[in-house]
Amino acid sequence: MTVLYVILPLALVLAAAALWAFYRCLCQGQFDDLDTPPVRALHDD
């Protein structure tokens, strides 16, 4: 039962960090263009 006092806050901190990282990437425009990067590899420069 005492392990819950460690695991639960740790899980909440990790979840909050993941949400913060997702929000930061979303605000920076990382997910704006999802179609061009895979096709760019096929074009010969």
N, C-alpha and C. Protein backbone atom coordinates (compact mmCIF):
# COMPACT_ATOMS: atom_id res chain seq x y z
N MET A 1 0.82 -1.20 0.00
CA MET A 1 0.00 0.00 0.00
C MET A 1 0.86 1.26 0.00
N THR A 2 2.01 1.20 0.64
CA THR A 2 2.86 2.38 0.71
C THR A 2 3.51 2.70 -0.63
N VAL A 3 3.58 1.70 -1.50
CA VAL A 3 4.16 1.95 -2.82
C VAL A 3 3.29 2.91 -3.63
N LEU A 4 2.01 2.96 -3.32
CA LEU A 4 1.11 3.89 -4.01
C LEU A 4 1.47 5.34 -3.73
N TYR A 5 2.06 5.61 -2.57
CA TYR A 5 2.46 6.97 -2.23
C TYR A 5 3.62 7.45 -3.09
N VAL A 6 4.34 6.52 -3.69
CA VAL A 6 5.44 6.86 -4.58
C VAL A 6 5.00 6.80 -6.04
N ILE A 7 4.31 5.74 -6.40
CA ILE A 7 3.95 5.50 -7.79
C ILE A 7 2.91 6.49 -8.30
N LEU A 8 1.92 6.80 -7.52
CA LEU A 8 0.86 7.69 -7.96
C LEU A 8 1.36 9.11 -8.25
N PRO A 9 2.11 9.75 -7.36
CA PRO A 9 2.65 11.07 -7.71
C PRO A 9 3.63 11.02 -8.89
N LEU A 10 4.42 9.95 -8.96
CA LEU A 10 5.34 9.81 -10.08
C LEU A 10 4.60 9.69 -11.40
N ALA A 11 3.52 8.94 -11.42
CA ALA A 11 2.71 8.80 -12.63
C ALA A 11 2.06 10.13 -13.00
N LEU A 12 1.61 10.88 -12.02
CA LEU A 12 1.00 12.18 -12.30
C LEU A 12 2.03 13.17 -12.84
N VAL A 13 3.23 13.13 -12.31
CA VAL A 13 4.29 14.02 -12.80
C VAL A 13 4.67 13.65 -14.23
N LEU A 14 4.80 12.37 -14.52
CA LEU A 14 5.14 11.94 -15.88
C LEU A 14 4.03 12.28 -16.87
N ALA A 15 2.79 12.12 -16.47
CA ALA A 15 1.68 12.47 -17.34
C ALA A 15 1.63 13.98 -17.59
N ALA A 16 1.88 14.76 -16.57
CA ALA A 16 1.91 16.21 -16.73
C ALA A 16 3.06 16.62 -17.65
N ALA A 17 4.21 15.98 -17.53
CA ALA A 17 5.35 16.28 -18.40
C ALA A 17 5.03 15.93 -19.85
N ALA A 18 4.35 14.82 -20.07
CA ALA A 18 3.98 14.42 -21.43
C ALA A 18 2.98 15.41 -22.02
N LEU A 19 2.02 15.85 -21.24
CA LEU A 19 1.05 16.84 -21.73
C LEU A 19 1.72 18.18 -22.01
N TRP A 20 2.66 18.58 -21.17
CA TRP A 20 3.38 19.83 -21.39
C TRP A 20 4.21 19.74 -22.67
N ALA A 21 4.89 18.62 -22.91
CA ALA A 21 5.69 18.45 -24.12
C ALA A 21 4.81 18.46 -25.37
N PHE A 22 3.65 17.82 -25.29
CA PHE A 22 2.73 17.82 -26.42
C PHE A 22 2.22 19.23 -26.70
N TYR A 23 1.86 19.96 -25.66
CA TYR A 23 1.36 21.32 -25.84
C TYR A 23 2.44 22.23 -26.41
N ARG A 24 3.67 22.05 -25.94
CA ARG A 24 4.78 22.86 -26.44
C ARG A 24 5.01 22.59 -27.93
N CYS A 25 5.00 21.33 -28.33
CA CYS A 25 5.16 21.00 -29.75
C CYS A 25 3.99 21.51 -30.58
N LEU A 26 2.81 21.47 -30.02
CA LEU A 26 1.63 21.96 -30.72
C LEU A 26 1.71 23.46 -30.94
N CYS A 27 2.18 24.20 -29.96
CA CYS A 27 2.30 25.66 -30.08
C CYS A 27 3.42 26.06 -31.03
N GLN A 28 4.45 25.24 -31.15
CA GLN A 28 5.56 25.56 -32.03
C GLN A 28 5.29 25.18 -33.48
N GLY A 29 4.17 24.52 -33.75
CA GLY A 29 3.82 24.18 -35.12
C GLY A 29 4.42 22.88 -35.62
N GLN A 30 4.78 21.98 -34.73
CA GLN A 30 5.38 20.72 -35.14
C GLN A 30 4.41 19.83 -35.92
N PHE A 31 3.13 20.01 -35.69
CA PHE A 31 2.13 19.13 -36.30
C PHE A 31 1.35 19.82 -37.42
N ASP A 32 1.88 20.92 -37.95
CA ASP A 32 1.14 21.66 -38.98
C ASP A 32 1.10 20.93 -40.32
N ASP A 33 2.23 20.38 -40.76
CA ASP A 33 2.30 19.74 -42.07
C ASP A 33 2.74 18.30 -41.88
N LEU A 34 1.78 17.38 -41.95
CA LEU A 34 2.09 15.97 -41.73
C LEU A 34 2.25 15.20 -43.04
N ASP A 35 1.94 15.83 -44.19
CA ASP A 35 1.99 15.12 -45.46
C ASP A 35 3.29 15.32 -46.23
N THR A 36 3.91 16.46 -46.13
CA THR A 36 5.08 16.76 -46.93
C THR A 36 6.34 15.99 -46.52
N PRO A 37 6.68 15.86 -45.25
CA PRO A 37 7.95 15.19 -44.91
C PRO A 37 8.09 13.76 -45.45
N PRO A 38 7.07 12.91 -45.43
CA PRO A 38 7.28 11.58 -46.03
C PRO A 38 7.48 11.62 -47.52
N VAL A 39 6.84 12.57 -48.21
CA VAL A 39 6.96 12.66 -49.66
C VAL A 39 8.30 13.28 -50.05
N ARG A 40 8.83 14.13 -49.19
CA ARG A 40 10.10 14.80 -49.47
C ARG A 40 11.24 13.80 -49.64
N ALA A 41 11.16 12.67 -48.96
CA ALA A 41 12.20 11.66 -49.08
C ALA A 41 12.21 11.01 -50.45
N LEU A 42 11.08 11.05 -51.16
CA LEU A 42 11.00 10.43 -52.47
C LEU A 42 11.51 11.32 -53.59
N HIS A 43 11.58 12.61 -53.36
CA HIS A 43 12.04 13.55 -54.39
C HIS A 43 13.56 13.51 -54.49
N ASP A 44 14.03 13.48 -55.72
CA ASP A 44 15.47 13.48 -55.95
C ASP A 44 15.95 14.90 -56.15
N ASP A 45 16.89 15.32 -55.34
CA ASP A 45 17.40 16.69 -55.44
C ASP A 45 18.47 16.81 -56.47
